[in-house]
Amino acid sequence: MDNLVPLLSVLLFQAPILIVWTVGLVLAIVFWKRHPKVSLLALIAILGLMITSILSPLLRIWLGAWMDQFGAPFGRANITLVVYQVASSLISAVFWALLVFAIFGWRKKPEVSQ
């Protein structure tokens, strides 16, 4: 129960980006028939980013509370949080790369008229 306020504040602070990504999900579904491959990649990327943006701060709160509860030494806690942040950043980068590929990966080269 002590973590309820931080958990709710995480969701509140994430609300603007979650709204934008929800619009992106709706657009991917709307344009599915016209661009199925692009829509699928965008849908996967946006869902991944959405889940990551919700879970990452929640896991960070849980991890901090867990280390505090078990009395992890400062050095070990610091290393654990750095490893966690690097992993979280890499996961986000994969989803962002997928989204960029969905946007630009399907472009046809313009035909050159002579």
N, C-alpha and C. Protein backbone atom coordinates (compact mmCIF):
# COMPACT_ATOMS: atom_id res chain seq x y z
N MET A 1 0.82 -1.20 0.00
CA MET A 1 0.00 0.00 0.00
C MET A 1 0.87 1.27 0.00
N ASP A 2 2.10 1.14 0.56
CA ASP A 2 2.99 2.30 0.60
C ASP A 2 3.40 2.75 -0.80
N ASN A 3 3.36 1.83 -1.74
CA ASN A 3 3.79 2.14 -3.11
C ASN A 3 2.65 2.60 -4.00
N LEU A 4 1.43 2.71 -3.48
CA LEU A 4 0.29 3.06 -4.31
C LEU A 4 0.42 4.45 -4.92
N VAL A 5 0.81 5.43 -4.12
CA VAL A 5 0.94 6.80 -4.63
C VAL A 5 2.03 6.89 -5.71
N PRO A 6 3.23 6.32 -5.48
CA PRO A 6 4.23 6.36 -6.56
C PRO A 6 3.76 5.63 -7.81
N LEU A 7 3.06 4.53 -7.66
CA LEU A 7 2.58 3.78 -8.82
C LEU A 7 1.57 4.59 -9.62
N LEU A 8 0.63 5.22 -8.92
CA LEU A 8 -0.36 6.04 -9.61
C LEU A 8 0.27 7.27 -10.24
N SER A 9 1.27 7.85 -9.56
CA SER A 9 1.92 9.03 -10.13
C SER A 9 2.69 8.67 -11.40
N VAL A 10 3.24 7.45 -11.45
CA VAL A 10 3.92 7.00 -12.68
C VAL A 10 2.94 6.98 -13.84
N LEU A 11 1.77 6.43 -13.61
CA LEU A 11 0.76 6.37 -14.67
C LEU A 11 0.28 7.77 -15.05
N LEU A 12 0.14 8.64 -14.07
CA LEU A 12 -0.29 10.01 -14.35
C LEU A 12 0.75 10.74 -15.21
N PHE A 13 2.02 10.59 -14.86
CA PHE A 13 3.08 11.27 -15.62
C PHE A 13 3.24 10.68 -17.02
N GLN A 14 2.87 9.42 -17.20
CA GLN A 14 2.98 8.76 -18.50
C GLN A 14 1.74 9.02 -19.37
N ALA A 15 0.70 9.62 -18.82
CA ALA A 15 -0.57 9.80 -19.53
C ALA A 15 -0.44 10.49 -20.89
N PRO A 16 0.30 11.59 -21.03
CA PRO A 16 0.36 12.23 -22.36
C PRO A 16 0.93 11.31 -23.44
N ILE A 17 2.03 10.62 -23.14
CA ILE A 17 2.61 9.74 -24.16
C ILE A 17 1.74 8.53 -24.40
N LEU A 18 1.07 8.06 -23.37
CA LEU A 18 0.16 6.92 -23.55
C LEU A 18 -1.02 7.30 -24.44
N ILE A 19 -1.49 8.52 -24.33
CA ILE A 19 -2.57 9.00 -25.20
C ILE A 19 -2.09 9.05 -26.65
N VAL A 20 -0.89 9.58 -26.87
CA VAL A 20 -0.35 9.65 -28.24
C VAL A 20 -0.18 8.25 -28.81
N TRP A 21 0.35 7.31 -28.01
CA TRP A 21 0.54 5.96 -28.51
C TRP A 21 -0.79 5.24 -28.74
N THR A 22 -1.80 5.57 -27.96
CA THR A 22 -3.13 5.00 -28.19
C THR A 22 -3.67 5.49 -29.54
N VAL A 23 -3.46 6.75 -29.85
CA VAL A 23 -3.86 7.27 -31.17
C VAL A 23 -3.08 6.54 -32.26
N GLY A 24 -1.80 6.31 -32.05
CA GLY A 24 -0.99 5.56 -33.01
C GLY A 24 -1.52 4.14 -33.22
N LEU A 25 -1.93 3.49 -32.14
CA LEU A 25 -2.51 2.14 -32.26
C LEU A 25 -3.78 2.18 -33.09
N VAL A 26 -4.63 3.15 -32.82
CA VAL A 26 -5.89 3.28 -33.57
C VAL A 26 -5.59 3.53 -35.05
N LEU A 27 -4.63 4.39 -35.34
CA LEU A 27 -4.27 4.67 -36.74
C LEU A 27 -3.70 3.43 -37.42
N ALA A 28 -2.89 2.66 -36.71
CA ALA A 28 -2.35 1.43 -37.30
C ALA A 28 -3.47 0.46 -37.65
N ILE A 29 -4.48 0.38 -36.82
CA ILE A 29 -5.62 -0.50 -37.09
C ILE A 29 -6.45 0.04 -38.24
N VAL A 30 -6.67 1.36 -38.27
CA VAL A 30 -7.46 1.98 -39.33
C VAL A 30 -6.81 1.77 -40.70
N PHE A 31 -5.48 1.90 -40.77
CA PHE A 31 -4.78 1.79 -42.05
C PHE A 31 -4.28 0.37 -42.35
N TRP A 32 -4.74 -0.60 -41.58
CA TRP A 32 -4.27 -1.98 -41.72
C TRP A 32 -4.49 -2.52 -43.14
N LYS A 33 -5.68 -2.34 -43.70
CA LYS A 33 -5.96 -2.89 -45.05
C LYS A 33 -5.13 -2.21 -46.13
N ARG A 34 -4.88 -0.93 -45.97
CA ARG A 34 -4.12 -0.20 -46.98
C ARG A 34 -2.62 -0.51 -46.89
N HIS A 35 -2.10 -0.65 -45.67
CA HIS A 35 -0.67 -0.89 -45.45
C HIS A 35 -0.49 -1.94 -44.35
N PRO A 36 -0.72 -3.21 -44.65
CA PRO A 36 -0.69 -4.23 -43.59
C PRO A 36 0.68 -4.43 -42.95
N LYS A 37 1.75 -4.44 -43.72
CA LYS A 37 3.08 -4.67 -43.15
C LYS A 37 3.51 -3.50 -42.26
N VAL A 38 3.33 -2.30 -42.76
CA VAL A 38 3.69 -1.12 -42.00
C VAL A 38 2.85 -1.04 -40.73
N SER A 39 1.56 -1.31 -40.86
CA SER A 39 0.67 -1.25 -39.70
C SER A 39 1.04 -2.29 -38.65
N LEU A 40 1.41 -3.48 -39.10
CA LEU A 40 1.80 -4.53 -38.15
C LEU A 40 3.06 -4.13 -37.39
N LEU A 41 4.07 -3.65 -38.11
CA LEU A 41 5.30 -3.22 -37.45
C LEU A 41 5.04 -2.06 -36.49
N ALA A 42 4.23 -1.10 -36.94
CA ALA A 42 3.92 0.04 -36.08
C ALA A 42 3.14 -0.41 -34.85
N LEU A 43 2.21 -1.32 -35.03
CA LEU A 43 1.43 -1.84 -33.92
C LEU A 43 2.31 -2.53 -32.88
N ILE A 44 3.21 -3.39 -33.34
CA ILE A 44 4.13 -4.08 -32.43
C ILE A 44 5.03 -3.09 -31.71
N ALA A 45 5.58 -2.14 -32.45
CA ALA A 45 6.49 -1.15 -31.86
C ALA A 45 5.76 -0.28 -30.84
N ILE A 46 4.59 0.20 -31.18
CA ILE A 46 3.85 1.08 -30.27
C ILE A 46 3.40 0.32 -29.03
N LEU A 47 2.92 -0.91 -29.21
CA LEU A 47 2.55 -1.71 -28.04
C LEU A 47 3.75 -1.96 -27.13
N GLY A 48 4.90 -2.27 -27.74
CA GLY A 48 6.11 -2.48 -26.96
C GLY A 48 6.52 -1.24 -26.20
N LEU A 49 6.48 -0.09 -26.87
CA LEU A 49 6.83 1.16 -26.20
C LEU A 49 5.84 1.49 -25.09
N MET A 50 4.58 1.22 -25.34
CA MET A 50 3.55 1.48 -24.36
C MET A 50 3.75 0.62 -23.10
N ILE A 51 3.99 -0.66 -23.33
CA ILE A 51 4.21 -1.58 -22.21
C ILE A 51 5.49 -1.20 -21.47
N THR A 52 6.53 -0.88 -22.21
CA THR A 52 7.80 -0.49 -21.60
C THR A 52 7.65 0.78 -20.77
N SER A 53 6.90 1.75 -21.29
CA SER A 53 6.76 3.01 -20.56
C SER A 53 5.95 2.84 -19.28
N ILE A 54 5.09 1.84 -19.22
CA ILE A 54 4.34 1.58 -18.00
C ILE A 54 5.15 0.71 -17.04
N LEU A 55 5.72 -0.36 -17.56
CA LEU A 55 6.41 -1.31 -16.69
C LEU A 55 7.76 -0.81 -16.18
N SER A 56 8.49 -0.08 -16.98
CA SER A 56 9.84 0.34 -16.59
C SER A 56 9.85 1.13 -15.28
N PRO A 57 9.06 2.18 -15.15
CA PRO A 57 9.08 2.91 -13.87
C PRO A 57 8.53 2.07 -12.71
N LEU A 58 7.54 1.24 -13.00
CA LEU A 58 6.98 0.39 -11.95
C LEU A 58 8.01 -0.62 -11.46
N LEU A 59 8.76 -1.19 -12.39
CA LEU A 59 9.80 -2.13 -12.00
C LEU A 59 10.93 -1.44 -11.24
N ARG A 60 11.23 -0.21 -11.62
CA ARG A 60 12.27 0.55 -10.93
C ARG A 60 11.84 0.82 -9.48
N ILE A 61 10.57 1.17 -9.27
CA ILE A 61 10.06 1.38 -7.92
C ILE A 61 10.12 0.08 -7.13
N TRP A 62 9.67 -1.00 -7.74
CA TRP A 62 9.68 -2.30 -7.07
C TRP A 62 11.11 -2.74 -6.75
N LEU A 63 12.01 -2.57 -7.69
CA LEU A 63 13.40 -2.97 -7.48
C LEU A 63 14.03 -2.18 -6.34
N GLY A 64 13.78 -0.88 -6.31
CA GLY A 64 14.31 -0.05 -5.23
C GLY A 64 13.75 -0.47 -3.87
N ALA A 65 12.45 -0.74 -3.81
CA ALA A 65 11.83 -1.17 -2.55
C ALA A 65 12.37 -2.54 -2.13
N TRP A 66 12.55 -3.42 -3.09
CA TRP A 66 13.04 -4.77 -2.80
C TRP A 66 14.47 -4.71 -2.24
N MET A 67 15.32 -3.90 -2.89
CA MET A 67 16.70 -3.78 -2.41
C MET A 67 16.75 -3.12 -1.04
N ASP A 68 15.87 -2.15 -0.80
CA ASP A 68 15.81 -1.50 0.49
C ASP A 68 15.34 -2.48 1.58
N GLN A 69 14.36 -3.29 1.24
CA GLN A 69 13.82 -4.26 2.19
C GLN A 69 14.88 -5.28 2.63
N PHE A 70 15.68 -5.72 1.67
CA PHE A 70 16.68 -6.73 1.98
C PHE A 70 18.05 -6.12 2.32
N GLY A 71 18.10 -4.82 2.42
CA GLY A 71 19.32 -4.15 2.86
C GLY A 71 20.50 -4.32 1.92
N ALA A 72 20.25 -4.17 0.63
CA ALA A 72 21.34 -4.28 -0.34
C ALA A 72 22.34 -3.15 -0.11
N PRO A 73 23.63 -3.47 -0.10
CA PRO A 73 24.63 -2.41 0.05
C PRO A 73 24.54 -1.41 -1.09
N PHE A 74 24.94 -0.17 -0.83
CA PHE A 74 24.81 0.89 -1.82
C PHE A 74 25.48 0.54 -3.14
N GLY A 75 26.67 -0.01 -3.10
CA GLY A 75 27.38 -0.35 -4.34
C GLY A 75 26.63 -1.37 -5.17
N ARG A 76 26.11 -2.39 -4.53
CA ARG A 76 25.36 -3.42 -5.25
C ARG A 76 24.04 -2.85 -5.80
N ALA A 77 23.37 -2.04 -5.00
CA ALA A 77 22.11 -1.43 -5.45
C ALA A 77 22.36 -0.53 -6.65
N ASN A 78 23.45 0.22 -6.60
CA ASN A 78 23.80 1.13 -7.68
C ASN A 78 24.07 0.36 -8.98
N ILE A 79 24.85 -0.70 -8.87
CA ILE A 79 25.16 -1.52 -10.05
C ILE A 79 23.89 -2.15 -10.61
N THR A 80 23.03 -2.64 -9.73
CA THR A 80 21.77 -3.26 -10.16
C THR A 80 20.92 -2.26 -10.92
N LEU A 81 20.81 -1.05 -10.41
CA LEU A 81 20.00 -0.03 -11.08
C LEU A 81 20.61 0.39 -12.42
N VAL A 82 21.93 0.45 -12.50
CA VAL A 82 22.58 0.79 -13.77
C VAL A 82 22.32 -0.30 -14.81
N VAL A 83 22.47 -1.55 -14.41
CA VAL A 83 22.21 -2.67 -15.33
C VAL A 83 20.75 -2.65 -15.77
N TYR A 84 19.85 -2.40 -14.82
CA TYR A 84 18.42 -2.32 -15.15
C TYR A 84 18.17 -1.19 -16.17
N GLN A 85 18.76 -0.03 -15.94
CA GLN A 85 18.54 1.11 -16.84
C GLN A 85 19.09 0.84 -18.23
N VAL A 86 20.25 0.20 -18.32
CA VAL A 86 20.82 -0.13 -19.63
C VAL A 86 19.91 -1.11 -20.37
N ALA A 87 19.43 -2.14 -19.67
CA ALA A 87 18.52 -3.12 -20.29
C ALA A 87 17.24 -2.45 -20.74
N SER A 88 16.69 -1.58 -19.92
CA SER A 88 15.46 -0.87 -20.26
C SER A 88 15.67 0.02 -21.49
N SER A 89 16.81 0.68 -21.54
CA SER A 89 17.13 1.55 -22.68
C SER A 89 17.29 0.74 -23.97
N LEU A 90 17.93 -0.41 -23.89
CA LEU A 90 18.10 -1.26 -25.07
C LEU A 90 16.76 -1.77 -25.59
N ILE A 91 15.88 -2.16 -24.69
CA ILE A 91 14.56 -2.64 -25.10
C ILE A 91 13.80 -1.52 -25.79
N SER A 92 13.82 -0.32 -25.23
CA SER A 92 13.15 0.82 -25.87
C SER A 92 13.76 1.12 -27.23
N ALA A 93 15.08 1.03 -27.34
CA ALA A 93 15.75 1.30 -28.62
C ALA A 93 15.30 0.31 -29.69
N VAL A 94 15.10 -0.93 -29.32
CA VAL A 94 14.63 -1.93 -30.30
C VAL A 94 13.25 -1.55 -30.81
N PHE A 95 12.35 -1.15 -29.91
CA PHE A 95 11.01 -0.78 -30.34
C PHE A 95 11.01 0.51 -31.17
N TRP A 96 11.86 1.48 -30.81
CA TRP A 96 11.97 2.69 -31.60
C TRP A 96 12.53 2.38 -32.99
N ALA A 97 13.52 1.51 -33.06
CA ALA A 97 14.07 1.13 -34.36
C ALA A 97 13.01 0.46 -35.23
N LEU A 98 12.20 -0.38 -34.62
CA LEU A 98 11.11 -1.03 -35.35
C LEU A 98 10.12 0.00 -35.88
N LEU A 99 9.83 1.00 -35.07
CA LEU A 99 8.90 2.05 -35.51
C LEU A 99 9.51 2.88 -36.64
N VAL A 100 10.78 3.21 -36.55
CA VAL A 100 11.44 3.96 -37.62
C VAL A 100 11.47 3.13 -38.90
N PHE A 101 11.73 1.83 -38.77
CA PHE A 101 11.72 0.96 -39.94
C PHE A 101 10.32 0.88 -40.54
N ALA A 102 9.30 0.85 -39.70
CA ALA A 102 7.92 0.83 -40.21
C ALA A 102 7.61 2.09 -41.01
N ILE A 103 8.15 3.21 -40.56
CA ILE A 103 7.88 4.48 -41.24
C ILE A 103 8.66 4.59 -42.55
N PHE A 104 9.94 4.27 -42.53
CA PHE A 104 10.80 4.54 -43.66
C PHE A 104 11.27 3.31 -44.44
N GLY A 105 11.06 2.14 -43.92
CA GLY A 105 11.61 0.94 -44.53
C GLY A 105 10.92 0.48 -45.79
N TRP A 106 9.74 0.97 -46.08
CA TRP A 106 8.96 0.47 -47.21
C TRP A 106 8.90 1.46 -48.36
N ARG A 107 9.66 2.51 -48.26
CA ARG A 107 9.62 3.53 -49.31
C ARG A 107 10.23 2.99 -50.60
N LYS A 108 9.56 3.27 -51.70
CA LYS A 108 10.10 2.88 -53.00
C LYS A 108 10.99 3.99 -53.50
N LYS A 109 12.01 3.60 -54.22
CA LYS A 109 12.89 4.61 -54.80
C LYS A 109 12.13 5.35 -55.90
N PRO A 110 12.28 6.64 -55.97
CA PRO A 110 11.59 7.39 -57.04
C PRO A 110 12.17 7.00 -58.41
N GLU A 111 11.26 6.89 -59.35
CA GLU A 111 11.71 6.57 -60.71
C GLU A 111 12.26 7.83 -61.35
N VAL A 112 13.39 7.67 -61.98
CA VAL A 112 14.05 8.79 -62.63
C VAL A 112 13.59 8.84 -64.09
N SER A 113 13.01 9.97 -64.48
CA SER A 113 12.57 10.10 -65.88
C SER A 113 13.69 10.78 -66.66
N GLN A 114 13.92 10.24 -67.85
CA GLN A 114 15.01 10.78 -68.67
C GLN A 114 14.48 11.41 -69.92
